């Protein structure tokens, strides 16, 4: 196996700051789009709004794109930048990583309702884990830390530690939460469009 010298790698893969900045901007853009979409969903249906209709029609492809970027980013942090995932990161990965296969299969199949259901369930399980993980990072509340599966000292990575903290609030658990919520939102839109 031939190793590629770091000098020939793009700048964003040489320094985690550049990579994290790019990913944080994507996360913020997804959050803004999600809030906009939720507000539209309160007042319109996918059949009466072109934006919602577009999202519903392309929900599988968009969710697949989001999850591929999320998995690639997660693997970049752990394998290129050597940021070892903690236990809660692994739990989130358990429910996000398989969605590459699920949503990839949905893109290839004609009957996607069951895959849409599975993807929605996986996203809805990953989201509370991400919320708890994010709370561990941003609060010192003993009630939250009492349930932490990771020790804050020792050899394993701490669940309350920050590898990434961009723009005052974007951390890796928040990235995972955004991924889960966007996938769930897209799957709900798709289901609503199929029903109506």
C-alpha atoms as a PDB file:
ATOM      1  CA  UNK A   1       0.000   0.000   0.000  1.00  0.00           C
ATOM      2  CA  UNK A   2       1.401   3.374  -1.008  1.00  0.00           C
ATOM      3  CA  UNK A   3       0.932   6.216   1.463  1.00  0.00           C
ATOM      4  CA  UNK A   4       0.049   9.636   0.128  1.00  0.00           C
ATOM      5  CA  UNK A   5       2.156  12.402   1.657  1.00  0.00           C
ATOM      6  CA  UNK A   6       0.080  14.985   3.498  1.00  0.00           C
ATOM      7  CA  UNK A   7       1.484  17.753   1.270  1.00  0.00           C
ATOM      8  CA  UNK A   8      -0.417  16.349  -1.720  1.00  0.00           C
ATOM      9  CA  UNK A   9      -3.702  16.262   0.230  1.00  0.00           C
ATOM     10  CA  UNK A  10      -6.148  19.152  -0.132  1.00  0.00           C
ATOM     11  CA  UNK A  11      -5.890  21.842   2.547  1.00  0.00           C
ATOM     12  CA  UNK A  12      -9.221  20.921   4.127  1.00  0.00           C
ATOM     13  CA  UNK A  13      -7.894  17.398   4.797  1.00  0.00           C
ATOM     14  CA  UNK A  14      -4.615  18.622   6.294  1.00  0.00           C
ATOM     15  CA  UNK A  15      -6.167  20.647   9.093  1.00  0.00           C
ATOM     16  CA  UNK A  16      -9.368  19.667  10.930  1.00  0.00           C
ATOM     17  CA  UNK A  17     -10.240  23.356  11.368  1.00  0.00           C
ATOM     18  CA  UNK A  18     -10.863  23.872   7.640  1.00  0.00           C
ATOM     19  CA  UNK A  19     -12.803  20.636   7.354  1.00  0.00           C
ATOM     20  CA  UNK A  20     -14.879  21.421  10.460  1.00  0.00           C
ATOM     21  CA  UNK A  21     -15.635  24.910   9.171  1.00  0.00           C
ATOM     22  CA  UNK A  22     -16.950  23.524   5.877  1.00  0.00           C
ATOM     23  CA  UNK A  23     -19.047  20.877   7.623  1.00  0.00           C
ATOM     24  CA  UNK A  24     -20.373  23.412  10.159  1.00  0.00           C
ATOM     25  CA  UNK A  25     -21.504  25.701   7.336  1.00  0.00           C
ATOM     26  CA  UNK A  26     -23.318  22.749   5.727  1.00  0.00           C
ATOM     27  CA  UNK A  27     -24.941  21.891   9.071  1.00  0.00           C
ATOM     28  CA  UNK A  28     -26.143  25.466   9.575  1.00  0.00           C
ATOM     29  CA  UNK A  29     -27.515  25.538   6.018  1.00  0.00           C
ATOM     30  CA  UNK A  30     -29.377  22.282   6.688  1.00  0.00           C
ATOM     31  CA  UNK A  31     -30.773  23.700   9.933  1.00  0.00           C
ATOM     32  CA  UNK A  32     -32.037  26.837   8.183  1.00  0.00           C
ATOM     33  CA  UNK A  33     -33.576  24.751   5.390  1.00  0.00           C
ATOM     34  CA  UNK A  34     -35.196  22.418   7.940  1.00  0.00           C
ATOM     35  CA  UNK A  35     -36.762  25.290   9.897  1.00  0.00           C
ATOM     36  CA  UNK A  36     -38.024  26.855   6.656  1.00  0.00           C
ATOM     37  CA  UNK A  37     -39.460  23.495   5.568  1.00  0.00           C
ATOM     38  CA  UNK A  38     -41.181  22.882   8.905  1.00  0.00           C
ATOM     39  CA  UNK A  39     -42.762  26.342   8.798  1.00  0.00           C
ATOM     40  CA  UNK A  40     -43.995  25.678   5.259  1.00  0.00           C
ATOM     41  CA  UNK A  41     -45.368  22.282   6.297  1.00  0.00           C
ATOM     42  CA  UNK A  42     -47.495  23.979   8.956  1.00  0.00           C
ATOM     43  CA  UNK A  43     -49.318  26.013   6.324  1.00  0.00           C
ATOM     44  CA  UNK A  44     -49.151  23.948   3.137  1.00  0.00           C
ATOM     45  CA  UNK A  45     -49.184  20.391   1.895  1.00  0.00           C
ATOM     46  CA  UNK A  46     -46.671  18.859  -0.514  1.00  0.00           C
ATOM     47  CA  UNK A  47     -49.358  18.836  -3.205  1.00  0.00           C
ATOM     48  CA  UNK A  48     -50.028  22.586  -2.905  1.00  0.00           C
ATOM     49  CA  UNK A  49     -46.462  23.898  -2.592  1.00  0.00           C
ATOM     50  CA  UNK A  50     -43.785  23.438  -5.274  1.00  0.00           C
ATOM     51  CA  UNK A  51     -40.877  23.493  -2.784  1.00  0.00           C
ATOM     52  CA  UNK A  52     -42.483  20.835  -0.564  1.00  0.00           C
ATOM     53  CA  UNK A  53     -43.481  18.816  -3.639  1.00  0.00           C
ATOM     54  CA  UNK A  54     -39.874  18.898  -4.861  1.00  0.00           C
ATOM     55  CA  UNK A  55     -38.565  17.776  -1.453  1.00  0.00           C
ATOM     56  CA  UNK A  56     -41.157  14.996  -1.236  1.00  0.00           C
ATOM     57  CA  UNK A  57     -40.429  13.781  -4.763  1.00  0.00           C
ATOM     58  CA  UNK A  58     -36.660  13.766  -4.200  1.00  0.00           C
ATOM     59  CA  UNK A  59     -36.674  12.894  -0.479  1.00  0.00           C
ATOM     60  CA  UNK A  60     -34.836   9.593  -0.898  1.00  0.00           C
ATOM     61  CA  UNK A  61     -32.044  11.096  -3.020  1.00  0.00           C
ATOM     62  CA  UNK A  62     -31.674  14.130  -0.760  1.00  0.00           C
ATOM     63  CA  UNK A  63     -31.621  11.980   2.388  1.00  0.00           C
ATOM     64  CA  UNK A  64     -29.086   9.667   0.741  1.00  0.00           C
ATOM     65  CA  UNK A  65     -26.866  12.668  -0.040  1.00  0.00           C
ATOM     66  CA  UNK A  66     -27.144  13.949   3.542  1.00  0.00           C
ATOM     67  CA  UNK A  67     -26.301  10.566   5.044  1.00  0.00           C
ATOM     68  CA  UNK A  68     -23.359   9.966   2.671  1.00  0.00           C
ATOM     69  CA  UNK A  69     -21.885  13.347   3.652  1.00  0.00           C
ATOM     70  CA  UNK A  70     -22.498  12.539   7.339  1.00  0.00           C
ATOM     71  CA  UNK A  71     -20.852   9.115   7.161  1.00  0.00           C
ATOM     72  CA  UNK A  72     -17.939  10.441   5.105  1.00  0.00           C
ATOM     73  CA  UNK A  73     -17.452  13.285   7.590  1.00  0.00           C
ATOM     74  CA  UNK A  74     -17.600  10.930  10.556  1.00  0.00           C
ATOM     75  CA  UNK A  75     -15.046   8.606   8.990  1.00  0.00           C
ATOM     76  CA  UNK A  76     -12.835  11.572   8.084  1.00  0.00           C
ATOM     77  CA  UNK A  77     -12.822  12.725  11.707  1.00  0.00           C
ATOM     78  CA  UNK A  78     -11.974   9.266  13.015  1.00  0.00           C
ATOM     79  CA  UNK A  79      -9.687   7.889  10.301  1.00  0.00           C
ATOM     80  CA  UNK A  80      -7.908  10.953   8.896  1.00  0.00           C
ATOM     81  CA  UNK A  81      -7.869  13.303  11.890  1.00  0.00           C
ATOM     82  CA  UNK A  82      -7.647  10.460  14.457  1.00  0.00           C
ATOM     83  CA  UNK A  83     -10.506  11.763  16.613  1.00  0.00           C
ATOM     84  CA  UNK A  84     -11.645   8.551  18.266  1.00  0.00           C
ATOM     85  CA  UNK A  85     -15.421   8.299  18.726  1.00  0.00           C
ATOM     86  CA  UNK A  86     -16.802   7.905  22.245  1.00  0.00           C
ATOM     87  CA  UNK A  87     -19.544   5.424  23.199  1.00  0.00           C
ATOM     88  CA  UNK A  88     -22.381   7.811  22.404  1.00  0.00           C
ATOM     89  CA  UNK A  89     -20.795   8.577  19.027  1.00  0.00           C
ATOM     90  CA  UNK A  90     -20.805   4.844  18.323  1.00  0.00           C
ATOM     91  CA  UNK A  91     -24.470   4.561  19.315  1.00  0.00           C
ATOM     92  CA  UNK A  92     -25.310   7.378  16.899  1.00  0.00           C
ATOM     93  CA  UNK A  93     -23.244   5.717  14.181  1.00  0.00           C
ATOM     94  CA  UNK A  94     -25.216   2.485  14.669  1.00  0.00           C
ATOM     95  CA  UNK A  95     -28.383   4.249  13.524  1.00  0.00           C
ATOM     96  CA  UNK A  96     -26.918   6.617  10.923  1.00  0.00           C
ATOM     97  CA  UNK A  97     -24.375   4.456   9.048  1.00  0.00           C
ATOM     98  CA  UNK A  98     -26.833   1.726   7.895  1.00  0.00           C
ATOM     99  CA  UNK A  99     -28.948   4.405   6.275  1.00  0.00           C
ATOM    100  CA  UNK A 100     -26.415   4.618   3.454  1.00  0.00           C
ATOM    101  CA  UNK A 101     -27.436   1.071   2.528  1.00  0.00           C
ATOM    102  CA  UNK A 102     -31.154   1.568   3.264  1.00  0.00           C
ATOM    103  CA  UNK A 103     -31.464   4.782   1.287  1.00  0.00           C
ATOM    104  CA  UNK A 104     -29.164   3.480  -1.443  1.00  0.00           C
ATOM    105  CA  UNK A 105     -31.476   0.475  -1.844  1.00  0.00           C
ATOM    106  CA  UNK A 106     -34.474   2.810  -1.862  1.00  0.00           C
ATOM    107  CA  UNK A 107     -32.936   4.733  -4.760  1.00  0.00           C
ATOM    108  CA  UNK A 108     -32.636   1.495  -6.736  1.00  0.00           C
ATOM    109  CA  UNK A 109     -36.042   0.001  -5.863  1.00  0.00           C
ATOM    110  CA  UNK A 110     -39.493   1.028  -6.995  1.00  0.00           C
ATOM    111  CA  UNK A 111     -41.303   0.119  -3.752  1.00  0.00           C
ATOM    112  CA  UNK A 112     -39.710   2.353  -1.143  1.00  0.00           C
ATOM    113  CA  UNK A 113     -42.429   2.657   1.515  1.00  0.00           C
ATOM    114  CA  UNK A 114     -40.940   0.076   3.897  1.00  0.00           C
ATOM    115  CA  UNK A 115     -37.429   1.499   3.481  1.00  0.00           C
ATOM    116  CA  UNK A 116     -38.809   4.966   4.164  1.00  0.00           C
ATOM    117  CA  UNK A 117     -40.326   3.600   7.385  1.00  0.00           C
ATOM    118  CA  UNK A 118     -37.033   1.987   8.446  1.00  0.00           C
ATOM    119  CA  UNK A 119     -35.076   5.130   7.709  1.00  0.00           C
ATOM    120  CA  UNK A 120     -37.545   7.213   9.713  1.00  0.00           C
ATOM    121  CA  UNK A 121     -37.280   4.830  12.686  1.00  0.00           C
ATOM    122  CA  UNK A 122     -33.463   4.837  12.568  1.00  0.00           C
ATOM    123  CA  UNK A 123     -33.400   8.642  12.431  1.00  0.00           C
ATOM    124  CA  UNK A 124     -35.878   8.909  15.312  1.00  0.00           C
ATOM    125  CA  UNK A 125     -33.728   6.608  17.465  1.00  0.00           C
ATOM    126  CA  UNK A 126     -30.484   8.445  16.649  1.00  0.00           C
ATOM    127  CA  UNK A 127     -31.923  11.910  17.379  1.00  0.00           C
ATOM    128  CA  UNK A 128     -32.517  11.489  21.155  1.00  0.00           C
ATOM    129  CA  UNK A 129     -29.059   9.959  21.549  1.00  0.00           C
ATOM    130  CA  UNK A 130     -27.626  13.035  19.821  1.00  0.00           C
ATOM    131  CA  UNK A 131     -29.682  15.368  22.033  1.00  0.00           C
ATOM    132  CA  UNK A 132     -28.414  13.622  25.179  1.00  0.00           C
ATOM    133  CA  UNK A 133     -24.838  13.701  23.882  1.00  0.00           C
ATOM    134  CA  UNK A 134     -25.116  17.392  23.033  1.00  0.00           C
ATOM    135  CA  UNK A 135     -26.507  18.119  26.518  1.00  0.00           C
ATOM    136  CA  UNK A 136     -23.505  16.316  28.023  1.00  0.00           C
ATOM    137  CA  UNK A 137     -21.259  18.712  26.156  1.00  0.00           C
ATOM    138  CA  UNK A 138     -23.023  21.993  26.850  1.00  0.00           C
ATOM    139  CA  UNK A 139     -24.212  21.566  30.433  1.00  0.00           C
ATOM    140  CA  UNK A 140     -22.684  20.699  33.776  1.00  0.00           C
ATOM    141  CA  UNK A 141     -25.993  19.487  35.225  1.00  0.00           C
ATOM    142  CA  UNK A 142     -25.346  16.482  37.502  1.00  0.00           C
ATOM    143  CA  UNK A 143     -28.671  14.961  36.414  1.00  0.00           C
ATOM    144  CA  UNK A 144     -27.407  14.752  32.833  1.00  0.00           C
ATOM    145  CA  UNK A 145     -23.874  13.590  33.656  1.00  0.00           C
ATOM    146  CA  UNK A 146     -25.166  10.881  36.012  1.00  0.00           C
ATOM    147  CA  UNK A 147     -26.362   8.914  32.981  1.00  0.00           C
ATOM    148  CA  UNK A 148     -23.233   9.376  30.844  1.00  0.00           C
ATOM    149  CA  UNK A 149     -21.982   6.025  29.517  1.00  0.00           C
ATOM    150  CA  UNK A 150     -18.450   7.389  29.133  1.00  0.00           C
ATOM    151  CA  UNK A 151     -16.054   8.133  31.902  1.00  0.00           C
ATOM    152  CA  UNK A 152     -14.802  11.713  31.810  1.00  0.00           C
ATOM    153  CA  UNK A 153     -11.341  10.469  32.726  1.00  0.00           C
ATOM    154  CA  UNK A 154      -9.315   7.505  31.610  1.00  0.00           C
ATOM    155  CA  UNK A 155      -8.226   6.104  28.274  1.00  0.00           C
ATOM    156  CA  UNK A 156     -11.509   6.178  26.348  1.00  0.00           C
ATOM    157  CA  UNK A 157     -12.675   9.365  24.625  1.00  0.00           C
ATOM    158  CA  UNK A 158     -14.959  11.429  26.835  1.00  0.00           C
ATOM    159  CA  UNK A 159     -18.570  11.901  25.762  1.00  0.00           C
ATOM    160  CA  UNK A 160     -18.516  15.405  27.235  1.00  0.00           C
ATOM    161  CA  UNK A 161     -15.335  16.504  25.464  1.00  0.00           C
ATOM    162  CA  UNK A 162     -15.212  18.706  22.384  1.00  0.00           C
ATOM    163  CA  UNK A 163     -13.332  17.669  19.284  1.00  0.00           C
ATOM    164  CA  UNK A 164     -15.218  20.284  17.282  1.00  0.00           C
ATOM    165  CA  UNK A 165     -16.895  23.474  18.494  1.00  0.00           C
ATOM    166  CA  UNK A 166     -17.673  25.814  15.609  1.00  0.00           C
ATOM    167  CA  UNK A 167     -19.654  29.071  15.620  1.00  0.00           C
ATOM    168  CA  UNK A 168     -20.338  28.744  19.337  1.00  0.00           C
ATOM    169  CA  UNK A 169     -22.675  25.751  19.103  1.00  0.00           C
ATOM    170  CA  UNK A 170     -21.885  23.287  16.291  1.00  0.00           C
ATOM    171  CA  UNK A 171     -20.339  20.110  17.711  1.00  0.00           C
ATOM    172  CA  UNK A 172     -20.167  16.566  16.367  1.00  0.00           C
ATOM    173  CA  UNK A 173     -23.321  15.447  18.268  1.00  0.00           C
ATOM    174  CA  UNK A 174     -25.171  18.475  16.867  1.00  0.00           C
ATOM    175  CA  UNK A 175     -24.028  17.463  13.381  1.00  0.00           C
ATOM    176  CA  UNK A 176     -25.464  13.980  14.009  1.00  0.00           C
ATOM    177  CA  UNK A 177     -28.683  15.487  15.390  1.00  0.00           C
ATOM    178  CA  UNK A 178     -29.065  17.707  12.330  1.00  0.00           C
ATOM    179  CA  UNK A 179     -28.486  14.711  10.059  1.00  0.00           C
ATOM    180  CA  UNK A 180     -31.102  12.644  11.903  1.00  0.00           C
ATOM    181  CA  UNK A 181     -33.688  15.416  11.950  1.00  0.00           C
ATOM    182  CA  UNK A 182     -33.230  16.273   8.266  1.00  0.00           C
ATOM    183  CA  UNK A 183     -33.563  12.607   7.279  1.00  0.00           C
ATOM    184  CA  UNK A 184     -36.664  12.246   9.472  1.00  0.00           C
ATOM    185  CA  UNK A 185     -38.145  15.420   7.996  1.00  0.00           C
ATOM    186  CA  UNK A 186     -37.553  14.214   4.435  1.00  0.00           C
ATOM    187  CA  UNK A 187     -39.075  10.806   5.203  1.00  0.00           C
ATOM    188  CA  UNK A 188     -42.149  12.428   6.787  1.00  0.00           C
ATOM    189  CA  UNK A 189     -42.534  14.660   3.728  1.00  0.00           C
ATOM    190  CA  UNK A 190     -42.301  11.625   1.462  1.00  0.00           C
ATOM    191  CA  UNK A 191     -44.880   9.725   3.509  1.00  0.00           C
ATOM    192  CA  UNK A 192     -47.259  12.713   3.497  1.00  0.00           C
ATOM    193  CA  UNK A 193     -46.918  13.031  -0.283  1.00  0.00           C
ATOM    194  CA  UNK A 194     -47.595   9.313  -0.786  1.00  0.00           C
ATOM    195  CA  UNK A 195     -50.687   9.465   1.453  1.00  0.00           C
ATOM    196  CA  UNK A 196     -52.174  12.553  -0.217  1.00  0.00           C
END
